[in-house]
PDB file of N, CA and C in Angstrom:
ATOM      1  N   MET A   1      24.309   6.921 -22.399  1.00  0.00           N
ATOM      2  CA  MET A   1      23.517   7.472 -21.342  1.00  0.00           C
ATOM      3  C   MET A   1      22.576   6.382 -20.818  1.00  0.00           C
ATOM      4  N   THR A   2      22.489   6.265 -19.514  1.00  0.00           N
ATOM      5  CA  THR A   2      21.606   5.296 -18.877  1.00  0.00           C
ATOM      6  C   THR A   2      20.202   5.875 -18.746  1.00  0.00           C
ATOM      7  N   THR A   3      19.227   5.081 -19.146  1.00  0.00           N
ATOM      8  CA  THR A   3      17.838   5.493 -19.007  1.00  0.00           C
ATOM      9  C   THR A   3      17.278   4.857 -17.748  1.00  0.00           C
ATOM     10  N   ILE A   4      16.677   5.667 -16.917  1.00  0.00           N
ATOM     11  CA  ILE A   4      16.069   5.184 -15.686  1.00  0.00           C
ATOM     12  C   ILE A   4      14.566   5.331 -15.820  1.00  0.00           C
ATOM     13  N   LYS A   5      13.846   4.230 -15.537  1.00  0.00           N
ATOM     14  CA  LYS A   5      12.386   4.270 -15.611  1.00  0.00           C
ATOM     15  C   LYS A   5      11.826   4.351 -14.200  1.00  0.00           C
ATOM     16  N   GLU A   6      11.022   5.364 -13.972  1.00  0.00           N
ATOM     17  CA  GLU A   6      10.418   5.560 -12.662  1.00  0.00           C
ATOM     18  C   GLU A   6       9.223   4.621 -12.513  1.00  0.00           C
ATOM     19  N   SER A   7       9.110   3.990 -11.353  1.00  0.00           N
ATOM     20  CA  SER A   7       7.990   3.082 -11.113  1.00  0.00           C
ATOM     21  C   SER A   7       6.704   3.878 -10.849  1.00  0.00           C
ATOM     22  N   ILE A   8       5.591   3.166 -10.873  1.00  0.00           N
ATOM     23  CA  ILE A   8       4.296   3.787 -10.603  1.00  0.00           C
ATOM     24  C   ILE A   8       4.257   4.242  -9.142  1.00  0.00           C
ATOM     25  N   HIS A   9       3.838   5.447  -8.914  1.00  0.00           N
ATOM     26  CA  HIS A   9       3.716   5.992  -7.558  1.00  0.00           C
ATOM     27  C   HIS A   9       2.438   5.480  -6.903  1.00  0.00           C
ATOM     28  N   PRO A  10       2.390   5.436  -5.572  1.00  0.00           N
ATOM     29  CA  PRO A  10       1.155   5.026  -4.899  1.00  0.00           C
ATOM     30  C   PRO A  10      -0.034   5.863  -5.383  1.00  0.00           C
ATOM     31  N   GLY A  11      -1.095   5.174  -5.767  1.00  0.00           N
ATOM     32  CA  GLY A  11      -2.317   5.849  -6.189  1.00  0.00           C
ATOM     33  C   GLY A  11      -2.259   6.551  -7.530  1.00  0.00           C
ATOM     34  N   GLU A  12      -1.147   6.441  -8.255  1.00  0.00           N
ATOM     35  CA  GLU A  12      -1.018   7.143  -9.526  1.00  0.00           C
ATOM     36  C   GLU A  12      -2.072   6.700 -10.544  1.00  0.00           C
ATOM     37  N   PHE A  13      -2.584   5.512 -10.401  1.00  0.00           N
ATOM     38  CA  PHE A  13      -3.593   4.974 -11.314  1.00  0.00           C
ATOM     39  C   PHE A  13      -4.973   5.597 -11.104  1.00  0.00           C
ATOM     40  N   LEU A  14      -5.183   6.282  -9.975  1.00  0.00           N
ATOM     41  CA  LEU A  14      -6.496   6.848  -9.659  1.00  0.00           C
ATOM     42  C   LEU A  14      -6.794   8.093 -10.483  1.00  0.00           C
ATOM     43  N   LEU A  15      -7.947   8.120 -11.117  1.00  0.00           N
ATOM     44  CA  LEU A  15      -8.423   9.323 -11.799  1.00  0.00           C
ATOM     45  C   LEU A  15      -9.378  10.076 -10.886  1.00  0.00           C
ATOM     46  N   SER A  16     -10.221   9.327 -10.167  1.00  0.00           N
ATOM     47  CA  SER A  16     -11.093   9.907  -9.151  1.00  0.00           C
ATOM     48  C   SER A  16     -11.523   8.796  -8.205  1.00  0.00           C
ATOM     49  N   GLU A  17     -11.912   9.194  -6.993  1.00  0.00           N
ATOM     50  CA  GLU A  17     -12.396   8.228  -6.015  1.00  0.00           C
ATOM     51  C   GLU A  17     -13.448   8.882  -5.140  1.00  0.00           C
ATOM     52  N   GLY A  18     -14.140   8.073  -4.355  1.00  0.00           N
ATOM     53  CA  GLY A  18     -15.177   8.571  -3.475  1.00  0.00           C
ATOM     54  C   GLY A  18     -14.618   9.524  -2.432  1.00  0.00           C
ATOM     55  N   ALA A  19     -15.489  10.351  -1.873  1.00  0.00           N
ATOM     56  CA  ALA A  19     -15.087  11.339  -0.867  1.00  0.00           C
ATOM     57  C   ALA A  19     -14.446  10.658   0.340  1.00  0.00           C
ATOM     58  N   GLY A  20     -13.501  11.359   0.939  1.00  0.00           N
ATOM     59  CA  GLY A  20     -12.803  10.823   2.103  1.00  0.00           C
ATOM     60  C   GLY A  20     -12.019   9.583   1.714  1.00  0.00           C
ATOM     61  N   SER A  21     -12.137   8.543   2.497  1.00  0.00           N
ATOM     62  CA  SER A  21     -11.416   7.309   2.184  1.00  0.00           C
ATOM     63  C   SER A  21     -12.392   6.159   1.924  1.00  0.00           C
ATOM     64  N   ILE A  22     -13.587   6.483   1.412  1.00  0.00           N
ATOM     65  CA  ILE A  22     -14.612   5.461   1.183  1.00  0.00           C
ATOM     66  C   ILE A  22     -14.195   4.438   0.120  1.00  0.00           C
ATOM     67  N   SER A  23     -13.284   4.788  -0.773  1.00  0.00           N
ATOM     68  CA  SER A  23     -12.874   3.884  -1.840  1.00  0.00           C
ATOM     69  C   SER A  23     -11.832   2.869  -1.404  1.00  0.00           C
ATOM     70  N   ARG A  24     -11.162   3.102  -0.292  1.00  0.00           N
ATOM     71  CA  ARG A  24     -10.018   2.272   0.106  1.00  0.00           C
ATOM     72  C   ARG A  24     -10.289   1.462   1.369  1.00  0.00           C
ATOM     73  N   GLU A  25      -9.575   0.341   1.472  1.00  0.00           N
ATOM     74  CA  GLU A  25      -9.630  -0.516   2.658  1.00  0.00           C
ATOM     75  C   GLU A  25      -8.222  -1.004   2.977  1.00  0.00           C
ATOM     76  N   ALA A  26      -7.979  -1.268   4.247  1.00  0.00           N
ATOM     77  CA  ALA A  26      -6.765  -1.962   4.660  1.00  0.00           C
ATOM     78  C   ALA A  26      -6.997  -3.442   4.371  1.00  0.00           C
ATOM     79  N   ILE A  27      -6.005  -4.108   3.790  1.00  0.00           N
ATOM     80  CA  ILE A  27      -6.173  -5.508   3.389  1.00  0.00           C
ATOM     81  C   ILE A  27      -4.954  -6.328   3.802  1.00  0.00           C
ATOM     82  N   ASN A  28      -5.132  -7.640   3.800  1.00  0.00           N
ATOM     83  CA  ASN A  28      -4.031  -8.587   3.968  1.00  0.00           C
ATOM     84  C   ASN A  28      -3.725  -9.170   2.602  1.00  0.00           C
ATOM     85  N   VAL A  29      -2.453  -9.122   2.227  1.00  0.00           N
ATOM     86  CA  VAL A  29      -2.015  -9.621   0.932  1.00  0.00           C
ATOM     87  C   VAL A  29      -1.178 -10.874   1.165  1.00  0.00           C
ATOM     88  N   ALA A  30      -1.487 -11.927   0.429  1.00  0.00           N
ATOM     89  CA  ALA A  30      -0.787 -13.197   0.577  1.00  0.00           C
ATOM     90  C   ALA A  30       0.714 -13.028   0.380  1.00  0.00           C
ATOM     91  N   ALA A  31       1.490 -13.856   1.074  1.00  0.00           N
ATOM     92  CA  ALA A  31       2.942 -13.869   0.909  1.00  0.00           C
ATOM     93  C   ALA A  31       3.271 -14.136  -0.557  1.00  0.00           C
ATOM     94  N   GLY A  32       4.384 -13.577  -1.018  1.00  0.00           N
ATOM     95  CA  GLY A  32       4.780 -13.812  -2.404  1.00  0.00           C
ATOM     96  C   GLY A  32       5.714 -12.742  -2.921  1.00  0.00           C
ATOM     97  N   GLU A  33       5.750 -12.636  -4.224  1.00  0.00           N
ATOM     98  CA  GLU A  33       6.653 -11.708  -4.906  1.00  0.00           C
ATOM     99  C   GLU A  33       6.252 -10.254  -4.677  1.00  0.00           C
ATOM    100  N   ALA A  34       7.165  -9.353  -5.006  1.00  0.00           N
ATOM    101  CA  ALA A  34       6.882  -7.921  -4.899  1.00  0.00           C
ATOM    102  C   ALA A  34       5.740  -7.559  -5.855  1.00  0.00           C
ATOM    103  N   LEU A  35       4.900  -6.645  -5.423  1.00  0.00           N
ATOM    104  CA  LEU A  35       3.759  -6.204  -6.223  1.00  0.00           C
ATOM    105  C   LEU A  35       3.808  -4.693  -6.393  1.00  0.00           C
ATOM    106  N   PRO A  36       3.544  -4.200  -7.606  1.00  0.00           N
ATOM    107  CA  PRO A  36       3.569  -2.752  -7.839  1.00  0.00           C
ATOM    108  C   PRO A  36       2.245  -2.087  -7.480  1.00  0.00           C
ATOM    109  N   ALA A  37       2.282  -0.808  -7.242  1.00  0.00           N
ATOM    110  CA  ALA A  37       1.047  -0.032  -7.127  1.00  0.00           C
ATOM    111  C   ALA A  37       0.285  -0.224  -8.427  1.00  0.00           C
ATOM    112  N   GLY A  38      -1.016  -0.397  -8.340  1.00  0.00           N
ATOM    113  CA  GLY A  38      -1.820  -0.618  -9.540  1.00  0.00           C
ATOM    114  C   GLY A  38      -2.004  -2.081  -9.898  1.00  0.00           C
ATOM    115  N   GLN A  39      -1.492  -2.994  -9.073  1.00  0.00           N
ATOM    116  CA  GLN A  39      -1.686  -4.433  -9.317  1.00  0.00           C
ATOM    117  C   GLN A  39      -3.146  -4.788  -9.091  1.00  0.00           C
ATOM    118  N   VAL A  40      -3.767  -5.418 -10.065  1.00  0.00           N
ATOM    119  CA  VAL A  40      -5.141  -5.880  -9.916  1.00  0.00           C
ATOM    120  C   VAL A  40      -5.121  -7.113  -9.013  1.00  0.00           C
ATOM    121  N   LEU A  41      -6.059  -7.160  -8.059  1.00  0.00           N
ATOM    122  CA  LEU A  41      -6.072  -8.220  -7.054  1.00  0.00           C
ATOM    123  C   LEU A  41      -7.365  -9.018  -7.081  1.00  0.00           C
ATOM    124  N   GLY A  42      -7.250 -10.294  -6.687  1.00  0.00           N
ATOM    125  CA  GLY A  42      -8.392 -11.153  -6.437  1.00  0.00           C
ATOM    126  C   GLY A  42      -8.370 -11.541  -4.974  1.00  0.00           C
ATOM    127  N   LEU A  43      -9.431 -12.141  -4.498  1.00  0.00           N
ATOM    128  CA  LEU A  43      -9.540 -12.532  -3.090  1.00  0.00           C
ATOM    129  C   LEU A  43      -9.546 -14.050  -2.996  1.00  0.00           C
ATOM    130  N   VAL A  44      -8.523 -14.606  -2.325  1.00  0.00           N
ATOM    131  CA  VAL A  44      -8.426 -16.050  -2.154  1.00  0.00           C
ATOM    132  C   VAL A  44      -9.495 -16.484  -1.148  1.00  0.00           C
ATOM    133  N   SER A  45     -10.409 -17.318  -1.592  1.00  0.00           N
ATOM    134  CA  SER A  45     -11.562 -17.705  -0.780  1.00  0.00           C
ATOM    135  C   SER A  45     -11.177 -18.393   0.530  1.00  0.00           C
ATOM    136  N   ALA A  46     -10.258 -19.329   0.488  1.00  0.00           N
ATOM    137  CA  ALA A  46      -9.915 -20.123   1.664  1.00  0.00           C
ATOM    138  C   ALA A  46      -9.257 -19.309   2.769  1.00  0.00           C
ATOM    139  N   SER A  47      -8.408 -18.354   2.400  1.00  0.00           N
ATOM    140  CA  SER A  47      -7.638 -17.603   3.397  1.00  0.00           C
ATOM    141  C   SER A  47      -8.189 -16.213   3.692  1.00  0.00           C
ATOM    142  N   GLY A  48      -8.977 -15.658   2.770  1.00  0.00           N
ATOM    143  CA  GLY A  48      -9.451 -14.288   2.922  1.00  0.00           C
ATOM    144  C   GLY A  48      -8.375 -13.260   2.630  1.00  0.00           C
ATOM    145  N   GLU A  49      -7.269 -13.704   2.049  1.00  0.00           N
ATOM    146  CA  GLU A  49      -6.161 -12.808   1.687  1.00  0.00           C
ATOM    147  C   GLU A  49      -6.272 -12.437   0.208  1.00  0.00           C
ATOM    148  N   PHE A  50      -5.791 -11.257  -0.110  1.00  0.00           N
ATOM    149  CA  PHE A  50      -5.757 -10.813  -1.495  1.00  0.00           C
ATOM    150  C   PHE A  50      -4.484 -11.328  -2.155  1.00  0.00           C
ATOM    151  N   ALA A  51      -4.573 -11.598  -3.449  1.00  0.00           N
ATOM    152  CA  ALA A  51      -3.437 -12.079  -4.238  1.00  0.00           C
ATOM    153  C   ALA A  51      -3.572 -11.481  -5.632  1.00  0.00           C
ATOM    154  N   PRO A  52      -2.483 -11.480  -6.413  1.00  0.00           N
ATOM    155  CA  PRO A  52      -2.605 -10.966  -7.776  1.00  0.00           C
ATOM    156  C   PRO A  52      -3.725 -11.677  -8.534  1.00  0.00           C
ATOM    157  N   TYR A  53      -4.524 -10.904  -9.230  1.00  0.00           N
ATOM    158  CA  TYR A  53      -5.596 -11.438 -10.070  1.00  0.00           C
ATOM    159  C   TYR A  53      -5.003 -12.410 -11.074  1.00  0.00           C
ATOM    160  N   SER A  54      -5.587 -13.609 -11.163  1.00  0.00           N
ATOM    161  CA  SER A  54      -5.096 -14.648 -12.065  1.00  0.00           C
ATOM    162  C   SER A  54      -6.281 -15.364 -12.691  1.00  0.00           C
ATOM    163  N   PRO A  55      -6.630 -15.045 -13.934  1.00  0.00           N
ATOM    164  CA  PRO A  55      -7.811 -15.618 -14.572  1.00  0.00           C
ATOM    165  C   PRO A  55      -7.811 -17.147 -14.622  1.00  0.00           C
ATOM    166  N   ALA A  56      -6.642 -17.773 -14.590  1.00  0.00           N
ATOM    167  CA  ALA A  56      -6.556 -19.235 -14.671  1.00  0.00           C
ATOM    168  C   ALA A  56      -6.674 -19.913 -13.303  1.00  0.00           C
ATOM    169  N   ALA A  57      -6.684 -19.146 -12.239  1.00  0.00           N
ATOM    170  CA  ALA A  57      -6.742 -19.715 -10.888  1.00  0.00           C
ATOM    171  C   ALA A  57      -8.115 -20.300 -10.600  1.00  0.00           C
ATOM    172  N   GLU A  58      -8.196 -21.085  -9.546  1.00  0.00           N
ATOM    173  CA  GLU A  58      -9.480 -21.652  -9.115  1.00  0.00           C
ATOM    174  C   GLU A  58      -9.618 -21.530  -7.603  1.00  0.00           C
ATOM    175  N   ASP A  59      -9.033 -20.463  -7.048  1.00  0.00           N
ATOM    176  CA  ASP A  59      -9.041 -20.274  -5.589  1.00  0.00           C
ATOM    177  C   ASP A  59      -9.757 -19.002  -5.158  1.00  0.00           C
ATOM    178  N   GLY A  60     -10.389 -18.327  -6.095  1.00  0.00           N
ATOM    179  CA  GLY A  60     -11.041 -17.052  -5.818  1.00  0.00           C
ATOM    180  C   GLY A  60     -10.319 -15.881  -6.440  1.00  0.00           C
ATOM    181  N   SER A  61      -9.001 -16.021  -6.645  1.00  0.00           N
ATOM    182  CA  SER A  61      -8.228 -14.915  -7.229  1.00  0.00           C
ATOM    183  C   SER A  61      -8.462 -14.780  -8.730  1.00  0.00           C
ATOM    184  N   GLU A  62      -9.330 -15.643  -9.300  1.00  0.00           N
ATOM    185  CA  GLU A  62      -9.668 -15.521 -10.721  1.00  0.00           C
ATOM    186  C   GLU A  62     -10.702 -14.435 -10.978  1.00  0.00           C
ATOM    187  N   VAL A  63     -11.184 -13.793  -9.911  1.00  0.00           N
ATOM    188  CA  VAL A  63     -12.137 -12.686 -10.029  1.00  0.00           C
ATOM    189  C   VAL A  63     -11.472 -11.422  -9.496  1.00  0.00           C
ATOM    190  N   ALA A  64     -11.335 -10.411 -10.345  1.00  0.00           N
ATOM    191  CA  ALA A  64     -10.727  -9.138  -9.928  1.00  0.00           C
ATOM    192  C   ALA A  64     -11.682  -8.397  -9.004  1.00  0.00           C
ATOM    193  N   VAL A  65     -11.179  -7.984  -7.827  1.00  0.00           N
ATOM    194  CA  VAL A  65     -12.042  -7.303  -6.862  1.00  0.00           C
ATOM    195  C   VAL A  65     -11.444  -6.020  -6.301  1.00  0.00           C
ATOM    196  N   ALA A  66     -10.164  -5.757  -6.564  1.00  0.00           N
ATOM    197  CA  ALA A  66      -9.515  -4.591  -5.958  1.00  0.00           C
ATOM    198  C   ALA A  66      -8.253  -4.240  -6.738  1.00  0.00           C
ATOM    199  N   ILE A  67      -7.676  -3.080  -6.385  1.00  0.00           N
ATOM    200  CA  ILE A  67      -6.418  -2.631  -6.980  1.00  0.00           C
ATOM    201  C   ILE A  67      -5.507  -2.171  -5.853  1.00  0.00           C
ATOM    202  N   LEU A  68      -4.302  -2.701  -5.829  1.00  0.00           N
ATOM    203  CA  LEU A  68      -3.329  -2.354  -4.791  1.00  0.00           C
ATOM    204  C   LEU A  68      -2.949  -0.880  -4.896  1.00  0.00           C
ATOM    205  N   PHE A  69      -3.094  -0.131  -3.805  1.00  0.00           N
ATOM    206  CA  PHE A  69      -2.842   1.308  -3.808  1.00  0.00           C
ATOM    207  C   PHE A  69      -1.355   1.636  -3.895  1.00  0.00           C
ATOM    208  N   ALA A  70      -0.533   0.966  -3.082  1.00  0.00           N
ATOM    209  CA  ALA A  70       0.918   1.210  -3.049  1.00  0.00           C
ATOM    210  C   ALA A  70       1.637  -0.120  -3.176  1.00  0.00           C
ATOM    211  N   GLY A  71       2.801  -0.093  -3.782  1.00  0.00           N
ATOM    212  CA  GLY A  71       3.575  -1.313  -3.979  1.00  0.00           C
ATOM    213  C   GLY A  71       3.951  -1.987  -2.666  1.00  0.00           C
ATOM    214  N   LEU A  72       4.193  -3.299  -2.748  1.00  0.00           N
ATOM    215  CA  LEU A  72       4.628  -4.080  -1.597  1.00  0.00           C
ATOM    216  C   LEU A  72       5.879  -4.866  -1.960  1.00  0.00           C
ATOM    217  N   ALA A  73       6.803  -4.975  -1.016  1.00  0.00           N
ATOM    218  CA  ALA A  73       8.012  -5.768  -1.218  1.00  0.00           C
ATOM    219  C   ALA A  73       7.669  -7.250  -1.140  1.00  0.00           C
ATOM    220  N   SER A  74       8.536  -8.098  -1.690  1.00  0.00           N
ATOM    221  CA  SER A  74       8.323  -9.534  -1.582  1.00  0.00           C
ATOM    222  C   SER A  74       8.411  -9.942  -0.114  1.00  0.00           C
ATOM    223  N   SER A  75       7.720 -11.033   0.228  1.00  0.00           N
ATOM    224  CA  SER A  75       7.676 -11.451   1.624  1.00  0.00           C
ATOM    225  C   SER A  75       7.304 -12.924   1.732  1.00  0.00           C
ATOM    226  N   ASP A  76       7.780 -13.554   2.802  1.00  0.00           N
ATOM    227  CA  ASP A  76       7.428 -14.947   3.094  1.00  0.00           C
ATOM    228  C   ASP A  76       6.211 -15.033   4.009  1.00  0.00           C
ATOM    229  N   ILE A  77       5.726 -13.896   4.452  1.00  0.00           N
ATOM    230  CA  ILE A  77       4.565 -13.866   5.343  1.00  0.00           C
ATOM    231  C   ILE A  77       3.501 -12.929   4.763  1.00  0.00           C
ATOM    232  N   VAL A  78       2.305 -13.024   5.296  1.00  0.00           N
ATOM    233  CA  VAL A  78       1.209 -12.146   4.865  1.00  0.00           C
ATOM    234  C   VAL A  78       1.611 -10.698   5.099  1.00  0.00           C
ATOM    235  N   ARG A  79       1.283  -9.848   4.133  1.00  0.00           N
ATOM    236  CA  ARG A  79       1.623  -8.427   4.209  1.00  0.00           C
ATOM    237  C   ARG A  79       0.359  -7.593   4.390  1.00  0.00           C
ATOM    238  N   ARG A  80       0.499  -6.462   5.030  1.00  0.00           N
ATOM    239  CA  ARG A  80      -0.607  -5.519   5.203  1.00  0.00           C
ATOM    240  C   ARG A  80      -0.481  -4.468   4.106  1.00  0.00           C
ATOM    241  N   GLY A  81      -1.579  -4.117   3.486  1.00  0.00           N
ATOM    242  CA  GLY A  81      -1.564  -3.121   2.428  1.00  0.00           C
ATOM    243  C   GLY A  81      -2.865  -2.346   2.387  1.00  0.00           C
ATOM    244  N   ARG A  82      -2.975  -1.472   1.400  1.00  0.00           N
ATOM    245  CA  ARG A  82      -4.198  -0.701   1.144  1.00  0.00           C
ATOM    246  C   ARG A  82      -4.610  -0.976  -0.291  1.00  0.00           C
ATOM    247  N   ALA A  83      -5.909  -1.019  -0.503  1.00  0.00           N
ATOM    248  CA  ALA A  83      -6.408  -1.260  -1.852  1.00  0.00           C
ATOM    249  C   ALA A  83      -7.631  -0.400  -2.118  1.00  0.00           C
ATOM    250  N   VAL A  84      -7.827  -0.084  -3.382  1.00  0.00           N
ATOM    251  CA  VAL A  84      -9.058   0.562  -3.835  1.00  0.00           C
ATOM    252  C   VAL A  84     -10.033  -0.579  -4.102  1.00  0.00           C
ATOM    253  N   VAL A  85     -11.148  -0.583  -3.386  1.00  0.00           N
ATOM    254  CA  VAL A  85     -12.101  -1.689  -3.469  1.00  0.00           C
ATOM    255  C   VAL A  85     -13.478  -1.278  -3.994  1.00  0.00           C
ATOM    256  N   ARG A  86     -13.722   0.027  -4.169  1.00  0.00           N
ATOM    257  CA  ARG A  86     -15.037   0.482  -4.630  1.00  0.00           C
ATOM    258  C   ARG A  86     -14.985   1.957  -5.044  1.00  0.00           C
ATOM    259  N   LEU A  87     -15.978   2.372  -5.801  1.00  0.00           N
ATOM    260  CA  LEU A  87     -16.234   3.781  -6.102  1.00  0.00           C
ATOM    261  C   LEU A  87     -15.013   4.563  -6.578  1.00  0.00           C
ATOM    262  N   ALA A  88     -14.466   4.164  -7.727  1.00  0.00           N
ATOM    263  CA  ALA A  88     -13.304   4.874  -8.254  1.00  0.00           C
ATOM    264  C   ALA A  88     -13.262   4.767  -9.771  1.00  0.00           C
ATOM    265  N   GLU A  89     -12.585   5.742 -10.384  1.00  0.00           N
ATOM    266  CA  GLU A  89     -12.229   5.677 -11.797  1.00  0.00           C
ATOM    267  C   GLU A  89     -10.723   5.534 -11.847  1.00  0.00           C
ATOM    268  N   VAL A  90     -10.239   4.594 -12.678  1.00  0.00           N
ATOM    269  CA  VAL A  90      -8.807   4.311 -12.725  1.00  0.00           C
ATOM    270  C   VAL A  90      -8.289   4.330 -14.162  1.00  0.00           C
ATOM    271  N   SER A  91      -7.004   4.580 -14.290  1.00  0.00           N
ATOM    272  CA  SER A  91      -6.350   4.628 -15.596  1.00  0.00           C
ATOM    273  C   SER A  91      -5.862   3.238 -15.999  1.00  0.00           C
ATOM    274  N   GLU A  92      -6.386   2.724 -17.082  1.00  0.00           N
ATOM    275  CA  GLU A  92      -5.996   1.395 -17.570  1.00  0.00           C
ATOM    276  C   GLU A  92      -4.492   1.286 -17.794  1.00  0.00           C
ATOM    277  N   ALA A  93      -3.888   2.348 -18.296  1.00  0.00           N
ATOM    278  CA  ALA A  93      -2.460   2.327 -18.615  1.00  0.00           C
ATOM    279  C   ALA A  93      -1.575   2.143 -17.383  1.00  0.00           C
ATOM    280  N   HIS A  94      -2.100   2.403 -16.199  1.00  0.00           N
ATOM    281  CA  HIS A  94      -1.311   2.309 -14.975  1.00  0.00           C
ATOM    282  C   HIS A  94      -1.609   1.059 -14.150  1.00  0.00           C
ATOM    283  N   LEU A  95      -2.389   0.130 -14.705  1.00  0.00           N
ATOM    284  CA  LEU A  95      -2.738  -1.084 -13.981  1.00  0.00           C
ATOM    285  C   LEU A  95      -1.890  -2.262 -14.452  1.00  0.00           C
ATOM    286  N   THR A  96      -1.630  -3.181 -13.541  1.00  0.00           N
ATOM    287  CA  THR A  96      -0.874  -4.390 -13.850  1.00  0.00           C
ATOM    288  C   THR A  96      -1.796  -5.587 -13.704  1.00  0.00           C
ATOM    289  N   GLY A  97      -1.818  -6.444 -14.720  1.00  0.00           N
ATOM    290  CA  GLY A  97      -2.567  -7.687 -14.647  1.00  0.00           C
ATOM    291  C   GLY A  97      -4.016  -7.598 -15.073  1.00  0.00           C
ATOM    292  N   LEU A  98      -4.401  -6.536 -15.745  1.00  0.00           N
ATOM    293  CA  LEU A  98      -5.801  -6.355 -16.139  1.00  0.00           C
ATOM    294  C   LEU A  98      -6.080  -7.002 -17.489  1.00  0.00           C
ATOM    295  N   ASP A  99      -7.211  -7.698 -17.608  1.00  0.00           N
ATOM    296  CA  ASP A  99      -7.710  -8.175 -18.885  1.00  0.00           C
ATOM    297  C   ASP A  99      -9.198  -7.792 -18.966  1.00  0.00           C
ATOM    298  N   LEU A 100      -9.868  -8.179 -20.039  1.00  0.00           N
ATOM    299  CA  LEU A 100     -11.262  -7.778 -20.239  1.00  0.00           C
ATOM    300  C   LEU A 100     -12.169  -8.325 -19.138  1.00  0.00           C
ATOM    301  N   ASP A 101     -11.978  -9.596 -18.753  1.00  0.00           N
ATOM    302  CA  ASP A 101     -12.803 -10.163 -17.679  1.00  0.00           C
ATOM    303  C   ASP A 101     -12.549  -9.444 -16.357  1.00  0.00           C
ATOM    304  N   GLY A 102     -11.292  -9.097 -16.109  1.00  0.00           N
ATOM    305  CA  GLY A 102     -10.958  -8.350 -14.895  1.00  0.00           C
ATOM    306  C   GLY A 102     -11.608  -6.978 -14.890  1.00  0.00           C
ATOM    307  N   GLU A 103     -11.616  -6.332 -16.039  1.00  0.00           N
ATOM    308  CA  GLU A 103     -12.251  -5.020 -16.148  1.00  0.00           C
ATOM    309  C   GLU A 103     -13.745  -5.111 -15.845  1.00  0.00           C
ATOM    310  N   LYS A 104     -14.403  -6.130 -16.377  1.00  0.00           N
ATOM    311  CA  LYS A 104     -15.835  -6.323 -16.114  1.00  0.00           C
ATOM    312  C   LYS A 104     -16.087  -6.603 -14.637  1.00  0.00           C
ATOM    313  N   ALA A 105     -15.234  -7.426 -14.024  1.00  0.00           N
ATOM    314  CA  ALA A 105     -15.401  -7.752 -12.607  1.00  0.00           C
ATOM    315  C   ALA A 105     -15.195  -6.516 -11.733  1.00  0.00           C
ATOM    316  N   LEU A 106     -14.216  -5.682 -12.066  1.00  0.00           N
ATOM    317  CA  LEU A 106     -13.992  -4.450 -11.302  1.00  0.00           C
ATOM    318  C   LEU A 106     -15.202  -3.527 -11.410  1.00  0.00           C
ATOM    319  N   GLY A 107     -15.854  -3.525 -12.566  1.00  0.00           N
ATOM    320  CA  GLY A 107     -17.050  -2.715 -12.757  1.00  0.00           C
ATOM    321  C   GLY A 107     -18.152  -3.076 -11.766  1.00  0.00           C
ATOM    322  N   LYS A 108     -18.231  -4.348 -11.382  1.00  0.00           N
ATOM    323  CA  LYS A 108     -19.220  -4.778 -10.390  1.00  0.00           C
ATOM    324  C   LYS A 108     -18.911  -4.214  -9.012  1.00  0.00           C
ATOM    325  N   GLN A 109     -17.670  -3.798  -8.788  1.00  0.00           N
ATOM    326  CA  GLN A 109     -17.244  -3.155  -7.538  1.00  0.00           C
ATOM    327  C   GLN A 109     -17.352  -1.629  -7.658  1.00  0.00           C
ATOM    328  N   PHE A 110     -17.872  -1.171  -8.789  1.00  0.00           N
ATOM    329  CA  PHE A 110     -17.950   0.254  -9.115  1.00  0.00           C
ATOM    330  C   PHE A 110     -16.560   0.877  -9.225  1.00  0.00           C
ATOM    331  N   ILE A 111     -15.625   0.087  -9.751  1.00  0.00           N
ATOM    332  CA  ILE A 111     -14.299   0.579 -10.125  1.00  0.00           C
ATOM    333  C   ILE A 111     -14.307   0.602 -11.647  1.00  0.00           C
ATOM    334  N   ILE A 112     -14.314   1.803 -12.205  1.00  0.00           N
ATOM    335  CA  ILE A 112     -14.466   1.983 -13.638  1.00  0.00           C
ATOM    336  C   ILE A 112     -13.111   2.243 -14.278  1.00  0.00           C
ATOM    337  N   VAL A 113     -12.776   1.438 -15.273  1.00  0.00           N
ATOM    338  CA  VAL A 113     -11.493   1.557 -15.973  1.00  0.00           C
ATOM    339  C   VAL A 113     -11.676   2.504 -17.152  1.00  0.00           C
ATOM    340  N   ARG A 114     -10.822   3.513 -17.235  1.00  0.00           N
ATOM    341  CA  ARG A 114     -10.881   4.498 -18.324  1.00  0.00           C
ATOM    342  C   ARG A 114      -9.664   4.359 -19.207  1.00  0.00           C
TER     343      ARG A 114
END
């Protein structure tokens, strides 16, 4: 029997968020590989584009600042997406790329990891 694993649904990582759409923003995501919903993101200082959070980077993406709301396909150009950037509680088990420093940085955005 073949086992099929369902991917994370858009926003599935959210436990609670601010009223209306105060927790989310439309963002530009740097060109690159496919990203799942729940990907922790950093902000590349030079371009102002979001990229996967990478603690070893030195371009701004070493600081976690947001979480991708819905997955994005791979692309050679900048992609448009939505991210949770403030005032939310999220499920740690549904996030991709999170470490302790990332969790602390998200807390400064009032994104609380449970």
